[in-house]
Amino acid sequence: MNEMRTMTITEAGSPEVLQLRHRPIPVPKANEVLVKIVAAGVNRPDVLQRKGQYPAPKGAPQDIPGLEVAGTIIECGVDVQNLDIGASVCALVAGGGYAEYIAVPEGQCIAMPSNLTFTEAAGIPETTFTVWHNVFQLGALKEGEGLLVHGGSSGIGTTAIQLAKALGASVFTTVGNTEKQQYCVDLGANLAINYKEDDFEEILSDQSVDVILDMIGGSYFQKNMNILNPDGRLIHINAMLGRNVSLDILQMMVKRIKISGSTLRARSIQFKSLLAAEIKKNVWPIIEENKYRPIVYEVLPLEEAAKAHEIMESSQHIGKIILAIE
């Protein structure tokens, strides 16, 4: 068998443009492993790629979305040193995850924690890489500090809440309804604010906020600046309400606020490999101690990727949406 099933973007558009197609099974390069995928995570960048708004980086499939997978290694390139055939791994990829097989650079794979299923492990890479890099590297969140996570019920949000709490921070979050409020508090958030009913700036004005992880942008920007402590860090990973904002430079200077942000998809293999090694060292023990576990909202078969995108765009989910690939 030389072909595999993929869910392919046949044209830019609505979820229905995702159609089952067959492609040749990829051949791993010298530094890559071939993974037989058991499960793949669904993420908002997949939706943007489907709409034609977020092209994959050079070398990644332009028409097969999917940024994270879990599965079994069935072949190793000649230069692979630390992974073996038969190993269960999860991996951050630049695209192509909605498929039965994928070739992945060795450094972007991490041996799965023994206490997770393939379904759970498929929901780890994209959120964990994003949170660790932005909150703990760029944001330099420390024990005893306060973190505000916008969108606390998302895959990114549920990951950030759990990791920050496990490492001794206070966590505040914004969500869209009372069910999500309670869920985030049960997950460990000190305070969850329903942004449809309350003004998070007003409620957090008497709290200590040192780092903000923001995927909203737009009108949230000035409110974030207002509530951050001196020497605070504002980190952007998306701008769902708009990317163009006004900055009061004097306010930034007086409060010594650092503003940063990132996208991971186009970063180099070397960068992702170094980040994977740091995550394995710092996050995997937290997972193995059951202090952090990916929250799986729904599991759908590969053929129902369009439905998975509909759920993602509804924003009604809590945690991760996973595609099961059999």
C-alpha atoms as a PDB file:
ATOM      1  CA  MET A   1       0.000   0.000   0.000  1.00  0.00           C
ATOM      2  CA  ASN A   2       1.559   3.259  -1.177  1.00  0.00           C
ATOM      3  CA  GLU A   3      -1.377   5.606  -0.630  1.00  0.00           C
ATOM      4  CA  MET A   4      -3.001   7.147   2.423  1.00  0.00           C
ATOM      5  CA  ARG A   5      -6.270   8.903   3.173  1.00  0.00           C
ATOM      6  CA  THR A   6      -6.173  12.644   3.807  1.00  0.00           C
ATOM      7  CA  MET A   7      -8.745  15.340   4.454  1.00  0.00           C
ATOM      8  CA  THR A   8      -7.865  17.891   1.800  1.00  0.00           C
ATOM      9  CA  ILE A   9      -8.874  21.525   1.280  1.00  0.00           C
ATOM     10  CA  THR A  10     -10.313  21.376  -2.233  1.00  0.00           C
ATOM     11  CA  GLU A  11     -10.755  25.157  -2.408  1.00  0.00           C
ATOM     12  CA  ALA A  12     -10.892  28.047   0.025  1.00  0.00           C
ATOM     13  CA  GLY A  13     -14.259  28.182   1.728  1.00  0.00           C
ATOM     14  CA  SER A  14     -16.672  26.714   4.257  1.00  0.00           C
ATOM     15  CA  PRO A  15     -16.053  23.459   6.176  1.00  0.00           C
ATOM     16  CA  GLU A  16     -17.564  21.408   3.344  1.00  0.00           C
ATOM     17  CA  VAL A  17     -14.505  22.074   1.170  1.00  0.00           C
ATOM     18  CA  LEU A  18     -12.674  19.507   3.327  1.00  0.00           C
ATOM     19  CA  GLN A  19     -12.916  16.320   1.276  1.00  0.00           C
ATOM     20  CA  LEU A  20     -11.427  12.841   1.545  1.00  0.00           C
ATOM     21  CA  ARG A  21      -8.598  12.340  -0.920  1.00  0.00           C
ATOM     22  CA  HIS A  22      -5.748   9.865  -1.406  1.00  0.00           C
ATOM     23  CA  ARG A  23      -2.089  10.845  -1.538  1.00  0.00           C
ATOM     24  CA  PRO A  24       1.193   8.932  -1.667  1.00  0.00           C
ATOM     25  CA  ILE A  25       2.547   8.023   1.767  1.00  0.00           C
ATOM     26  CA  PRO A  26       5.452  10.427   2.447  1.00  0.00           C
ATOM     27  CA  VAL A  27       9.030   9.157   2.492  1.00  0.00           C
ATOM     28  CA  PRO A  28      10.981  10.400   5.540  1.00  0.00           C
ATOM     29  CA  LYS A  29      14.126  12.442   4.956  1.00  0.00           C
ATOM     30  CA  ALA A  30      17.371  11.586   6.718  1.00  0.00           C
ATOM     31  CA  ASN A  31      16.416  13.526   9.871  1.00  0.00           C
ATOM     32  CA  GLU A  32      12.738  12.506   9.877  1.00  0.00           C
ATOM     33  CA  VAL A  33      10.570   9.701  11.175  1.00  0.00           C
ATOM     34  CA  LEU A  34       7.444   8.363   9.486  1.00  0.00           C
ATOM     35  CA  VAL A  35       4.527   8.317  11.918  1.00  0.00           C
ATOM     36  CA  LYS A  36       1.374   6.261  11.478  1.00  0.00           C
ATOM     37  CA  ILE A  37      -1.125   8.728  12.900  1.00  0.00           C
ATOM     38  CA  VAL A  38      -3.683   7.507  15.434  1.00  0.00           C
ATOM     39  CA  ALA A  39      -5.154  10.911  16.325  1.00  0.00           C
ATOM     40  CA  ALA A  40      -4.770  14.541  15.248  1.00  0.00           C
ATOM     41  CA  GLY A  41      -5.679  17.779  16.990  1.00  0.00           C
ATOM     42  CA  VAL A  42      -7.926  20.421  15.413  1.00  0.00           C
ATOM     43  CA  ASN A  43      -6.887  24.045  15.900  1.00  0.00           C
ATOM     44  CA  ARG A  44      -8.070  27.493  14.877  1.00  0.00           C
ATOM     45  CA  PRO A  45      -5.170  27.981  12.406  1.00  0.00           C
ATOM     46  CA  ASP A  46      -6.588  24.964  10.532  1.00  0.00           C
ATOM     47  CA  VAL A  47      -9.808  26.921  10.065  1.00  0.00           C
ATOM     48  CA  LEU A  48      -7.909  29.957   8.776  1.00  0.00           C
ATOM     49  CA  GLN A  49      -5.930  27.771   6.380  1.00  0.00           C
ATOM     50  CA  ARG A  50      -9.170  26.264   5.070  1.00  0.00           C
ATOM     51  CA  LYS A  51     -10.496  29.774   4.408  1.00  0.00           C
ATOM     52  CA  GLY A  52      -7.345  30.725   2.506  1.00  0.00           C
ATOM     53  CA  GLN A  53      -6.228  33.174   5.191  1.00  0.00           C
ATOM     54  CA  TYR A  54      -3.234  31.322   6.668  1.00  0.00           C
ATOM     55  CA  PRO A  55      -1.063  29.523   4.100  1.00  0.00           C
ATOM     56  CA  ALA A  56       1.245  26.799   5.313  1.00  0.00           C
ATOM     57  CA  PRO A  57       4.974  27.576   5.386  1.00  0.00           C
ATOM     58  CA  LYS A  58       7.197  26.452   2.521  1.00  0.00           C
ATOM     59  CA  GLY A  59       7.658  22.690   2.477  1.00  0.00           C
ATOM     60  CA  ALA A  60       4.406  21.883   4.307  1.00  0.00           C
ATOM     61  CA  PRO A  61       1.247  20.741   2.501  1.00  0.00           C
ATOM     62  CA  GLN A  62      -0.815  23.745   1.455  1.00  0.00           C
ATOM     63  CA  ASP A  63      -4.051  21.777   1.213  1.00  0.00           C
ATOM     64  CA  ILE A  64      -3.853  19.334   4.161  1.00  0.00           C
ATOM     65  CA  PRO A  65      -4.340  21.067   7.530  1.00  0.00           C
ATOM     66  CA  GLY A  66      -3.314  19.726  10.927  1.00  0.00           C
ATOM     67  CA  LEU A  67      -0.635  21.021  13.310  1.00  0.00           C
ATOM     68  CA  GLU A  68      -0.377  18.220  15.870  1.00  0.00           C
ATOM     69  CA  VAL A  69      -0.518  14.444  15.828  1.00  0.00           C
ATOM     70  CA  ALA A  70       0.023  11.362  17.959  1.00  0.00           C
ATOM     71  CA  GLY A  71       0.921   7.944  16.638  1.00  0.00           C
ATOM     72  CA  THR A  72       3.529   5.238  16.172  1.00  0.00           C
ATOM     73  CA  ILE A  73       6.863   5.485  14.373  1.00  0.00           C
ATOM     74  CA  ILE A  74       7.039   2.953  11.530  1.00  0.00           C
ATOM     75  CA  GLU A  75      10.204   4.149   9.764  1.00  0.00           C
ATOM     76  CA  CYS A  76      13.291   6.194  10.680  1.00  0.00           C
ATOM     77  CA  GLY A  77      15.558   8.258   8.444  1.00  0.00           C
ATOM     78  CA  VAL A  78      19.242   7.348   8.346  1.00  0.00           C
ATOM     79  CA  ASP A  79      20.298  10.228  10.624  1.00  0.00           C
ATOM     80  CA  VAL A  80      17.661   9.675  13.345  1.00  0.00           C
ATOM     81  CA  GLN A  81      19.425   8.930  16.630  1.00  0.00           C
ATOM     82  CA  ASN A  82      17.038   9.152  19.569  1.00  0.00           C
ATOM     83  CA  LEU A  83      13.828   7.525  18.355  1.00  0.00           C
ATOM     84  CA  ASP A  84      13.112   3.955  17.299  1.00  0.00           C
ATOM     85  CA  ILE A  85      10.544   2.129  15.206  1.00  0.00           C
ATOM     86  CA  GLY A  86       7.552   1.246  17.358  1.00  0.00           C
ATOM     87  CA  ALA A  87       7.839   4.275  19.662  1.00  0.00           C
ATOM     88  CA  SER A  88       4.631   6.105  20.563  1.00  0.00           C
ATOM     89  CA  VAL A  89       5.102   9.829  20.002  1.00  0.00           C
ATOM     90  CA  CYS A  90       3.251  13.105  19.732  1.00  0.00           C
ATOM     91  CA  ALA A  91       4.541  15.813  17.438  1.00  0.00           C
ATOM     92  CA  LEU A  92       4.159  19.444  16.432  1.00  0.00           C
ATOM     93  CA  VAL A  93       4.001  19.708  12.635  1.00  0.00           C
ATOM     94  CA  ALA A  94       3.775  22.572  10.152  1.00  0.00           C
ATOM     95  CA  GLY A  95       0.793  20.987   8.375  1.00  0.00           C
ATOM     96  CA  GLY A  96      -0.450  17.684   7.015  1.00  0.00           C
ATOM     97  CA  GLY A  97      -1.854  16.254  10.241  1.00  0.00           C
ATOM     98  CA  TYR A  98      -5.270  15.354   8.789  1.00  0.00           C
ATOM     99  CA  ALA A  99      -3.873  12.165   7.260  1.00  0.00           C
ATOM    100  CA  GLU A 100      -2.982   8.559   8.003  1.00  0.00           C
ATOM    101  CA  TYR A 101       0.794   9.107   7.851  1.00  0.00           C
ATOM    102  CA  ILE A 102       3.188  12.006   8.227  1.00  0.00           C
ATOM    103  CA  ALA A 103       6.946  12.535   8.043  1.00  0.00           C
ATOM    104  CA  VAL A 104       8.199  14.633  10.975  1.00  0.00           C
ATOM    105  CA  PRO A 105      11.664  15.943  11.905  1.00  0.00           C
ATOM    106  CA  GLU A 106      12.954  13.866  14.809  1.00  0.00           C
ATOM    107  CA  GLY A 107      13.386  16.868  17.093  1.00  0.00           C
ATOM    108  CA  GLN A 108       9.718  17.829  16.836  1.00  0.00           C
ATOM    109  CA  CYS A 109       8.588  14.473  18.214  1.00  0.00           C
ATOM    110  CA  ILE A 110       8.376  13.666  21.923  1.00  0.00           C
ATOM    111  CA  ALA A 111       7.818  10.195  23.349  1.00  0.00           C
ATOM    112  CA  MET A 112       4.279  10.122  24.722  1.00  0.00           C
ATOM    113  CA  PRO A 113       3.770  10.291  28.486  1.00  0.00           C
ATOM    114  CA  SER A 114       2.873   6.794  29.643  1.00  0.00           C
ATOM    115  CA  ASN A 115      -0.317   7.960  31.390  1.00  0.00           C
ATOM    116  CA  LEU A 116      -1.946   9.458  28.275  1.00  0.00           C
ATOM    117  CA  THR A 117      -3.920   7.885  25.450  1.00  0.00           C
ATOM    118  CA  PHE A 118      -3.177   8.676  21.800  1.00  0.00           C
ATOM    119  CA  THR A 119      -6.337  10.794  21.752  1.00  0.00           C
ATOM    120  CA  GLU A 120      -5.145  12.882  24.690  1.00  0.00           C
ATOM    121  CA  ALA A 121      -1.572  13.099  23.412  1.00  0.00           C
ATOM    122  CA  ALA A 122      -2.788  14.464  20.065  1.00  0.00           C
ATOM    123  CA  GLY A 123      -4.135  17.488  21.948  1.00  0.00           C
ATOM    124  CA  ILE A 124      -0.838  18.349  23.588  1.00  0.00           C
ATOM    125  CA  PRO A 125       1.749  19.665  21.086  1.00  0.00           C
ATOM    126  CA  GLU A 126       0.187  22.792  19.592  1.00  0.00           C
ATOM    127  CA  THR A 127      -1.165  24.123  22.879  1.00  0.00           C
ATOM    128  CA  THR A 128       1.787  23.125  25.038  1.00  0.00           C
ATOM    129  CA  PHE A 129       4.431  24.457  22.639  1.00  0.00           C
ATOM    130  CA  THR A 130       2.451  27.700  22.315  1.00  0.00           C
ATOM    131  CA  VAL A 131       1.873  28.149  26.049  1.00  0.00           C
ATOM    132  CA  TRP A 132       5.381  27.234  27.127  1.00  0.00           C
ATOM    133  CA  HIS A 133       7.027  29.544  24.610  1.00  0.00           C
ATOM    134  CA  ASN A 134       4.713  32.507  25.150  1.00  0.00           C
ATOM    135  CA  VAL A 135       3.843  32.346  28.842  1.00  0.00           C
ATOM    136  CA  PHE A 136       7.038  30.914  30.311  1.00  0.00           C
ATOM    137  CA  GLN A 137       9.747  31.942  27.836  1.00  0.00           C
ATOM    138  CA  LEU A 138       8.569  35.274  26.415  1.00  0.00           C
ATOM    139  CA  GLY A 139       6.322  36.098  29.377  1.00  0.00           C
ATOM    140  CA  ALA A 140       8.771  34.774  31.984  1.00  0.00           C
ATOM    141  CA  LEU A 141       5.910  33.909  34.359  1.00  0.00           C
ATOM    142  CA  LYS A 142       7.246  33.101  37.822  1.00  0.00           C
ATOM    143  CA  GLU A 143       5.889  31.398  40.908  1.00  0.00           C
ATOM    144  CA  GLY A 144       3.692  33.823  42.868  1.00  0.00           C
ATOM    145  CA  GLU A 145       2.889  36.068  39.874  1.00  0.00           C
ATOM    146  CA  GLY A 146      -0.520  36.586  38.288  1.00  0.00           C
ATOM    147  CA  LEU A 147      -1.459  35.399  34.786  1.00  0.00           C
ATOM    148  CA  LEU A 148      -4.510  36.547  32.812  1.00  0.00           C
ATOM    149  CA  VAL A 149      -5.539  34.186  30.017  1.00  0.00           C
ATOM    150  CA  HIS A 150      -8.133  35.401  27.557  1.00  0.00           C
ATOM    151  CA  GLY A 151     -10.212  32.533  26.186  1.00  0.00           C
ATOM    152  CA  GLY A 152      -9.715  30.247  29.158  1.00  0.00           C
ATOM    153  CA  SER A 153     -11.935  27.433  27.865  1.00  0.00           C
ATOM    154  CA  SER A 154      -9.993  26.991  24.616  1.00  0.00           C
ATOM    155  CA  GLY A 155      -7.285  24.387  24.169  1.00  0.00           C
ATOM    156  CA  ILE A 156      -4.670  27.086  24.750  1.00  0.00           C
ATOM    157  CA  GLY A 157      -6.572  28.425  27.747  1.00  0.00           C
ATOM    158  CA  THR A 158      -7.110  25.113  29.527  1.00  0.00           C
ATOM    159  CA  THR A 159      -3.422  24.318  29.021  1.00  0.00           C
ATOM    160  CA  ALA A 160      -2.252  27.697  30.330  1.00  0.00           C
ATOM    161  CA  ILE A 161      -4.484  27.492  33.408  1.00  0.00           C
ATOM    162  CA  GLN A 162      -3.219  24.057  34.393  1.00  0.00           C
ATOM    163  CA  LEU A 163       0.479  24.689  33.759  1.00  0.00           C
ATOM    164  CA  ALA A 164       0.490  28.089  35.468  1.00  0.00           C
ATOM    165  CA  LYS A 165      -1.275  26.698  38.539  1.00  0.00           C
ATOM    166  CA  ALA A 166       1.049  23.696  38.669  1.00  0.00           C
ATOM    167  CA  LEU A 167       4.032  26.066  38.689  1.00  0.00           C
ATOM    168  CA  GLY A 168       2.660  28.269  41.467  1.00  0.00           C
ATOM    169  CA  ALA A 169       1.041  31.245  39.706  1.00  0.00           C
ATOM    170  CA  SER A 170      -2.366  32.817  40.278  1.00  0.00           C
ATOM    171  CA  VAL A 171      -4.585  32.563  37.199  1.00  0.00           C
ATOM    172  CA  PHE A 172      -7.403  34.776  35.958  1.00  0.00           C
ATOM    173  CA  THR A 173      -9.338  34.182  32.763  1.00  0.00           C
ATOM    174  CA  THR A 174     -12.107  35.488  30.540  1.00  0.00           C
ATOM    175  CA  VAL A 175     -14.785  33.223  29.036  1.00  0.00           C
ATOM    176  CA  GLY A 176     -18.097  33.538  27.200  1.00  0.00           C
ATOM    177  CA  ASN A 177     -20.673  31.876  29.462  1.00  0.00           C
ATOM    178  CA  THR A 178     -21.362  30.631  32.985  1.00  0.00           C
ATOM    179  CA  GLU A 179     -20.644  26.987  32.126  1.00  0.00           C
ATOM    180  CA  LYS A 180     -17.166  27.917  30.950  1.00  0.00           C
ATOM    181  CA  GLN A 181     -16.691  30.090  34.041  1.00  0.00           C
ATOM    182  CA  GLN A 182     -17.324  27.186  36.366  1.00  0.00           C
ATOM    183  CA  TYR A 183     -15.240  24.802  34.287  1.00  0.00           C
ATOM    184  CA  CYS A 184     -12.199  27.081  34.394  1.00  0.00           C
ATOM    185  CA  VAL A 185     -12.525  27.563  38.159  1.00  0.00           C
ATOM    186  CA  ASP A 186     -12.782  23.805  38.619  1.00  0.00           C
ATOM    187  CA  LEU A 187      -9.669  23.483  36.469  1.00  0.00           C
ATOM    188  CA  GLY A 188      -7.737  25.778  38.800  1.00  0.00           C
ATOM    189  CA  ALA A 189      -8.401  29.384  37.805  1.00  0.00           C
ATOM    190  CA  ASN A 190      -8.591  31.762  40.773  1.00  0.00           C
ATOM    191  CA  LEU A 191     -11.180  33.846  38.956  1.00  0.00           C
ATOM    192  CA  ALA A 192     -13.111  33.392  35.690  1.00  0.00           C
ATOM    193  CA  ILE A 193     -14.911  36.409  34.211  1.00  0.00           C
ATOM    194  CA  ASN A 194     -17.829  36.219  31.796  1.00  0.00           C
ATOM    195  CA  TYR A 195     -16.859  38.963  29.368  1.00  0.00           C
ATOM    196  CA  LYS A 196     -20.433  39.112  28.024  1.00  0.00           C
ATOM    197  CA  GLU A 197     -21.721  40.213  31.425  1.00  0.00           C
ATOM    198  CA  ASP A 198     -18.782  41.935  33.143  1.00  0.00           C
ATOM    199  CA  ASP A 199     -15.893  44.229  32.268  1.00  0.00           C
ATOM    200  CA  PHE A 200     -12.692  42.292  32.966  1.00  0.00           C
ATOM    201  CA  GLU A 201     -10.704  45.527  33.358  1.00  0.00           C
ATOM    202  CA  GLU A 202     -12.989  46.712  36.144  1.00  0.00           C
ATOM    203  CA  ILE A 203     -12.988  43.361  37.955  1.00  0.00           C
ATOM    204  CA  LEU A 204      -9.224  42.862  37.707  1.00  0.00           C
ATOM    205  CA  SER A 205      -8.271  46.432  38.646  1.00  0.00           C
ATOM    206  CA  ASP A 206      -7.609  45.335  42.223  1.00  0.00           C
ATOM    207  CA  GLN A 207      -5.832  42.087  41.296  1.00  0.00           C
ATOM    208  CA  SER A 208      -2.135  41.582  40.613  1.00  0.00           C
ATOM    209  CA  VAL A 209      -1.612  40.803  36.916  1.00  0.00           C
ATOM    210  CA  ASP A 210       1.957  40.354  35.710  1.00  0.00           C
ATOM    211  CA  VAL A 211       1.506  38.455  32.438  1.00  0.00           C
ATOM    212  CA  ILE A 212      -1.361  38.472  29.929  1.00  0.00           C
ATOM    213  CA  LEU A 213      -1.768  35.862  27.206  1.00  0.00           C
ATOM    214  CA  ASP A 214      -4.048  37.459  24.631  1.00  0.00           C
ATOM    215  CA  MET A 215      -5.607  35.885  21.534  1.00  0.00           C
ATOM    216  CA  ILE A 216      -8.253  38.617  21.156  1.00  0.00           C
ATOM    217  CA  GLY A 217      -6.520  41.912  20.324  1.00  0.00           C
ATOM    218  CA  GLY A 218      -8.670  44.849  19.253  1.00  0.00           C
ATOM    219  CA  SER A 219     -10.376  46.630  22.142  1.00  0.00           C
ATOM    220  CA  TYR A 220      -8.725  44.303  24.663  1.00  0.00           C
ATOM    221  CA  PHE A 221      -5.329  45.885  24.044  1.00  0.00           C
ATOM    222  CA  GLN A 222      -5.838  49.089  26.032  1.00  0.00           C
ATOM    223  CA  LYS A 223      -7.595  47.277  28.859  1.00  0.00           C
ATOM    224  CA  ASN A 224      -4.678  44.871  29.075  1.00  0.00           C
ATOM    225  CA  MET A 225      -2.243  47.777  29.281  1.00  0.00           C
ATOM    226  CA  ASN A 226      -4.294  49.400  32.034  1.00  0.00           C
ATOM    227  CA  ILE A 227      -4.457  46.383  34.355  1.00  0.00           C
ATOM    228  CA  LEU A 228      -0.890  45.115  33.948  1.00  0.00           C
ATOM    229  CA  ASN A 229       1.447  45.634  36.877  1.00  0.00           C
ATOM    230  CA  PRO A 230       4.640  47.648  36.404  1.00  0.00           C
ATOM    231  CA  ASP A 231       7.162  45.442  34.584  1.00  0.00           C
ATOM    232  CA  GLY A 232       4.222  43.470  33.179  1.00  0.00           C
ATOM    233  CA  ARG A 233       4.397  41.394  30.004  1.00  0.00           C
ATOM    234  CA  LEU A 234       1.694  41.432  27.327  1.00  0.00           C
ATOM    235  CA  ILE A 235       1.955  38.489  24.941  1.00  0.00           C
ATOM    236  CA  HIS A 236      -0.130  38.169  21.770  1.00  0.00           C
ATOM    237  CA  ILE A 237      -0.828  34.906  19.947  1.00  0.00           C
ATOM    238  CA  ASN A 238      -3.797  36.038  17.832  1.00  0.00           C
ATOM    239  CA  ALA A 239      -5.959  39.093  17.165  1.00  0.00           C
ATOM    240  CA  MET A 240      -9.501  37.837  16.686  1.00  0.00           C
ATOM    241  CA  LEU A 241     -11.026  41.294  17.284  1.00  0.00           C
ATOM    242  CA  GLY A 242      -8.479  43.167  15.183  1.00  0.00           C
ATOM    243  CA  ARG A 243      -4.723  43.550  14.810  1.00  0.00           C
ATOM    244  CA  ASN A 244      -4.486  47.345  14.508  1.00  0.00           C
ATOM    245  CA  VAL A 245      -4.461  49.125  17.874  1.00  0.00           C
ATOM    246  CA  SER A 246      -3.260  52.413  19.363  1.00  0.00           C
ATOM    247  CA  LEU A 247      -0.315  52.344  21.755  1.00  0.00           C
ATOM    248  CA  ASP A 248       0.312  54.996  24.391  1.00  0.00           C
ATOM    249  CA  ILE A 249       4.093  54.851  24.373  1.00  0.00           C
ATOM    250  CA  LEU A 250       4.382  56.908  27.565  1.00  0.00           C
ATOM    251  CA  GLN A 251       2.160  54.441  29.438  1.00  0.00           C
ATOM    252  CA  MET A 252       4.351  51.598  28.222  1.00  0.00           C
ATOM    253  CA  MET A 253       7.470  53.449  29.358  1.00  0.00           C
ATOM    254  CA  VAL A 254       6.159  54.496  32.777  1.00  0.00           C
ATOM    255  CA  LYS A 255       4.939  50.965  33.581  1.00  0.00           C
ATOM    256  CA  ARG A 256       7.940  49.343  31.837  1.00  0.00           C
ATOM    257  CA  ILE A 257       5.611  46.964  30.005  1.00  0.00           C
ATOM    258  CA  LYS A 258       7.079  44.492  27.538  1.00  0.00           C
ATOM    259  CA  ILE A 259       4.863  43.742  24.541  1.00  0.00           C
ATOM    260  CA  SER A 260       5.584  40.654  22.516  1.00  0.00           C
ATOM    261  CA  GLY A 261       3.988  37.790  20.645  1.00  0.00           C
ATOM    262  CA  SER A 262       4.713  34.941  18.317  1.00  0.00           C
ATOM    263  CA  THR A 263       3.565  32.416  15.770  1.00  0.00           C
ATOM    264  CA  LEU A 264       5.212  28.996  15.871  1.00  0.00           C
ATOM    265  CA  ARG A 265       4.224  27.434  12.586  1.00  0.00           C
ATOM    266  CA  ALA A 266       6.946  28.960  10.418  1.00  0.00           C
ATOM    267  CA  ARG A 267       9.757  28.710  12.986  1.00  0.00           C
ATOM    268  CA  SER A 268      12.777  26.591  12.146  1.00  0.00           C
ATOM    269  CA  ILE A 269      13.190  22.899  12.895  1.00  0.00           C
ATOM    270  CA  GLN A 270      16.051  23.817  15.218  1.00  0.00           C
ATOM    271  CA  PHE A 271      13.873  26.228  17.206  1.00  0.00           C
ATOM    272  CA  LYS A 272      11.026  23.728  17.518  1.00  0.00           C
ATOM    273  CA  SER A 273      13.444  20.969  18.502  1.00  0.00           C
ATOM    274  CA  LEU A 274      14.962  23.071  21.289  1.00  0.00           C
ATOM    275  CA  LEU A 275      11.478  24.000  22.479  1.00  0.00           C
ATOM    276  CA  ALA A 276      10.423  20.328  22.424  1.00  0.00           C
ATOM    277  CA  ALA A 277      13.418  19.400  24.581  1.00  0.00           C
ATOM    278  CA  GLU A 278      12.554  22.092  27.128  1.00  0.00           C
ATOM    279  CA  ILE A 279       8.908  20.981  27.205  1.00  0.00           C
ATOM    280  CA  LYS A 280       9.911  17.365  27.744  1.00  0.00           C
ATOM    281  CA  LYS A 281      12.102  18.448  30.656  1.00  0.00           C
ATOM    282  CA  ASN A 282       9.654  20.849  32.301  1.00  0.00           C
ATOM    283  CA  VAL A 283       6.123  19.848  31.280  1.00  0.00           C
ATOM    284  CA  TRP A 284       6.257  16.065  30.969  1.00  0.00           C
ATOM    285  CA  PRO A 285       6.849  15.592  34.739  1.00  0.00           C
ATOM    286  CA  ILE A 286       3.753  17.735  35.403  1.00  0.00           C
ATOM    287  CA  ILE A 287       1.732  15.493  33.084  1.00  0.00           C
ATOM    288  CA  GLU A 288       3.098  12.331  34.696  1.00  0.00           C
ATOM    289  CA  GLU A 289       2.121  13.704  38.128  1.00  0.00           C
ATOM    290  CA  ASN A 290      -1.426  14.277  36.776  1.00  0.00           C
ATOM    291  CA  LYS A 291      -1.220  18.017  37.437  1.00  0.00           C
ATOM    292  CA  TYR A 292      -1.923  18.769  33.782  1.00  0.00           C
ATOM    293  CA  ARG A 293      -4.040  16.763  31.375  1.00  0.00           C
ATOM    294  CA  PRO A 294      -5.338  17.804  27.954  1.00  0.00           C
ATOM    295  CA  ILE A 295      -9.075  18.435  28.027  1.00  0.00           C
ATOM    296  CA  VAL A 296     -10.767  16.569  25.163  1.00  0.00           C
ATOM    297  CA  TYR A 297     -14.154  17.984  24.183  1.00  0.00           C
ATOM    298  CA  GLU A 298     -15.065  15.695  21.298  1.00  0.00           C
ATOM    299  CA  VAL A 299     -13.478  12.981  19.162  1.00  0.00           C
ATOM    300  CA  LEU A 300     -14.602  12.628  15.553  1.00  0.00           C
ATOM    301  CA  PRO A 301     -13.454  10.334  12.743  1.00  0.00           C
ATOM    302  CA  LEU A 302     -11.137  11.800  10.109  1.00  0.00           C
ATOM    303  CA  GLU A 303     -13.995  11.848   7.595  1.00  0.00           C
ATOM    304  CA  GLU A 304     -15.906  14.291   9.816  1.00  0.00           C
ATOM    305  CA  ALA A 305     -13.228  16.998   9.784  1.00  0.00           C
ATOM    306  CA  ALA A 306     -15.809  19.441   8.413  1.00  0.00           C
ATOM    307  CA  LYS A 307     -17.973  18.913  11.505  1.00  0.00           C
ATOM    308  CA  ALA A 308     -14.898  19.417  13.697  1.00  0.00           C
ATOM    309  CA  HIS A 309     -14.340  22.789  12.012  1.00  0.00           C
ATOM    310  CA  GLU A 310     -17.968  23.748  12.562  1.00  0.00           C
ATOM    311  CA  ILE A 311     -17.564  23.050  16.274  1.00  0.00           C
ATOM    312  CA  MET A 312     -14.331  25.046  16.371  1.00  0.00           C
ATOM    313  CA  GLU A 313     -15.956  28.040  14.689  1.00  0.00           C
ATOM    314  CA  SER A 314     -18.948  27.914  17.037  1.00  0.00           C
ATOM    315  CA  SER A 315     -16.633  28.514  20.032  1.00  0.00           C
ATOM    316  CA  GLN A 316     -18.971  26.405  22.158  1.00  0.00           C
ATOM    317  CA  HIS A 317     -16.350  23.780  22.939  1.00  0.00           C
ATOM    318  CA  ILE A 318     -14.242  23.479  26.072  1.00  0.00           C
ATOM    319  CA  GLY A 319     -10.762  22.117  25.425  1.00  0.00           C
ATOM    320  CA  LYS A 320      -9.611  20.165  22.384  1.00  0.00           C
ATOM    321  CA  ILE A 321     -11.357  18.716  19.340  1.00  0.00           C
ATOM    322  CA  ILE A 322      -9.627  15.561  18.099  1.00  0.00           C
ATOM    323  CA  LEU A 323      -9.793  13.568  14.871  1.00  0.00           C
ATOM    324  CA  ALA A 324      -9.473   9.785  15.258  1.00  0.00           C
ATOM    325  CA  ILE A 325      -7.616   8.163  12.371  1.00  0.00           C
ATOM    326  CA  GLU A 326      -8.007   4.414  11.962  1.00  0.00           C
END
